[in-house]
Amino acid sequence: APADRKAAAEQKVCAVQDTIRLGSMGAPVKVTVKGKEVFLCCPACKGAAEKNPDQTLKTAEGNKGKQ
C-alpha cells in the first residue's frame, strides 16, 4: 500500500537488525509492536521484535529521517 511504502521509506532500516536496509531482502515485513507499526527486513526478525519490543520501537524511531 502507498502508506506502507512511505512509512518503510522513512524508517529506512530494519527495526531489529539496524544495519540492513529495508527492501534489500525482499519486501519489508510490517508488524505491530505495542500498538505501533514498524517494518522488518524479513520474517525471521519477527520473533526478535516481539521479544524485545522497547528496543524494536527505539531502533525504528531512531532511524527515521536518517540518510
C-alpha atoms as a PDB file:
ATOM      1  CA  ALA A   1       0.000   0.000   0.000  1.00  0.00           C
ATOM      2  CA  PRO A   2       1.259   3.546  -0.672  1.00  0.00           C
ATOM      3  CA  ALA A   3       1.090   4.500   3.023  1.00  0.00           C
ATOM      4  CA  ASP A   4       3.189   1.451   3.959  1.00  0.00           C
ATOM      5  CA  ARG A   5       5.757   2.266   1.289  1.00  0.00           C
ATOM      6  CA  LYS A   6       6.068   5.798   2.635  1.00  0.00           C
ATOM      7  CA  ALA A   7       6.418   4.606   6.240  1.00  0.00           C
ATOM      8  CA  ALA A   8       9.033   1.985   5.290  1.00  0.00           C
ATOM      9  CA  ALA A   9      10.977   4.574   3.286  1.00  0.00           C
ATOM     10  CA  GLU A  10      11.016   6.881   6.316  1.00  0.00           C
ATOM     11  CA  GLN A  11      12.227   4.104   8.627  1.00  0.00           C
ATOM     12  CA  LYS A  12      14.942   3.059   6.118  1.00  0.00           C
ATOM     13  CA  VAL A  13      16.402   0.083   8.050  1.00  0.00           C
ATOM     14  CA  CYS A  14      15.119  -2.988   9.867  1.00  0.00           C
ATOM     15  CA  ALA A  15      13.818  -2.306  13.381  1.00  0.00           C
ATOM     16  CA  VAL A  16      15.724  -5.373  14.641  1.00  0.00           C
ATOM     17  CA  GLN A  17      18.888  -5.511  12.511  1.00  0.00           C
ATOM     18  CA  ASP A  18      19.658  -1.839  12.021  1.00  0.00           C
ATOM     19  CA  THR A  19      22.444  -2.483   9.526  1.00  0.00           C
ATOM     20  CA  ILE A  20      20.063  -3.981   6.949  1.00  0.00           C
ATOM     21  CA  ARG A  21      18.190  -1.589   4.679  1.00  0.00           C
ATOM     22  CA  LEU A  22      14.524  -2.307   4.180  1.00  0.00           C
ATOM     23  CA  GLY A  23      13.894  -3.865   0.798  1.00  0.00           C
ATOM     24  CA  SER A  24      17.361  -5.378   0.466  1.00  0.00           C
ATOM     25  CA  MET A  25      15.993  -8.823   1.387  1.00  0.00           C
ATOM     26  CA  GLY A  26      12.674  -8.578  -0.415  1.00  0.00           C
ATOM     27  CA  ALA A  27       9.548  -6.718   0.566  1.00  0.00           C
ATOM     28  CA  PRO A  28       9.702  -5.340   4.136  1.00  0.00           C
ATOM     29  CA  VAL A  29       7.556  -7.102   6.728  1.00  0.00           C
ATOM     30  CA  LYS A  30       5.128  -4.917   8.688  1.00  0.00           C
ATOM     31  CA  VAL A  31       4.456  -5.869  12.311  1.00  0.00           C
ATOM     32  CA  THR A  32       2.644  -4.175  15.164  1.00  0.00           C
ATOM     33  CA  VAL A  33       4.672  -3.727  18.333  1.00  0.00           C
ATOM     34  CA  LYS A  34       2.963  -2.187  21.362  1.00  0.00           C
ATOM     35  CA  GLY A  35       0.303  -0.760  19.069  1.00  0.00           C
ATOM     36  CA  LYS A  36       2.772   0.822  16.628  1.00  0.00           C
ATOM     37  CA  GLU A  37       3.556  -0.423  13.143  1.00  0.00           C
ATOM     38  CA  VAL A  38       7.217  -0.989  12.298  1.00  0.00           C
ATOM     39  CA  PHE A  39       8.983  -2.650   9.412  1.00  0.00           C
ATOM     40  CA  LEU A  40      11.449  -5.517   9.431  1.00  0.00           C
ATOM     41  CA  CYS A  41      13.847  -6.738   6.753  1.00  0.00           C
ATOM     42  CA  CYS A  42      12.440 -10.290   6.768  1.00  0.00           C
ATOM     43  CA  PRO A  43      10.005 -12.617   8.566  1.00  0.00           C
ATOM     44  CA  ALA A  44      12.845 -14.109  10.621  1.00  0.00           C
ATOM     45  CA  CYS A  45      13.139 -10.847  12.600  1.00  0.00           C
ATOM     46  CA  LYS A  46       9.548 -11.012  13.844  1.00  0.00           C
ATOM     47  CA  GLY A  47      10.359 -13.144  16.898  1.00  0.00           C
ATOM     48  CA  ALA A  48      13.156 -10.829  17.994  1.00  0.00           C
ATOM     49  CA  ALA A  49      10.935  -7.781  17.503  1.00  0.00           C
ATOM     50  CA  GLU A  50       8.236  -9.276  19.716  1.00  0.00           C
ATOM     51  CA  LYS A  51      10.732 -10.491  22.325  1.00  0.00           C
ATOM     52  CA  ASN A  52      12.238  -7.021  22.829  1.00  0.00           C
ATOM     53  CA  PRO A  53       9.506  -4.538  21.865  1.00  0.00           C
ATOM     54  CA  ASP A  54      11.027  -1.478  23.545  1.00  0.00           C
ATOM     55  CA  GLN A  55      14.328  -1.844  21.682  1.00  0.00           C
ATOM     56  CA  THR A  56      12.484  -2.552  18.433  1.00  0.00           C
ATOM     57  CA  LEU A  57      10.496   0.679  18.720  1.00  0.00           C
ATOM     58  CA  LYS A  58      13.589   2.655  19.748  1.00  0.00           C
ATOM     59  CA  THR A  59      15.521   1.396  16.720  1.00  0.00           C
ATOM     60  CA  ALA A  60      12.645   2.083  14.323  1.00  0.00           C
ATOM     61  CA  GLU A  61      12.118   5.619  15.616  1.00  0.00           C
ATOM     62  CA  GLY A  62      15.847   6.365  15.806  1.00  0.00           C
ATOM     63  CA  ASN A  63      16.348   5.631  12.129  1.00  0.00           C
ATOM     64  CA  LYS A  64      13.536   7.801  10.785  1.00  0.00           C
ATOM     65  CA  GLY A  65      14.880  10.687   8.778  1.00  0.00           C
ATOM     66  CA  LYS A  66      18.459   9.391   8.592  1.00  0.00           C
ATOM     67  CA  GLN A  67      20.230   9.290   5.260  1.00  0.00           C
END
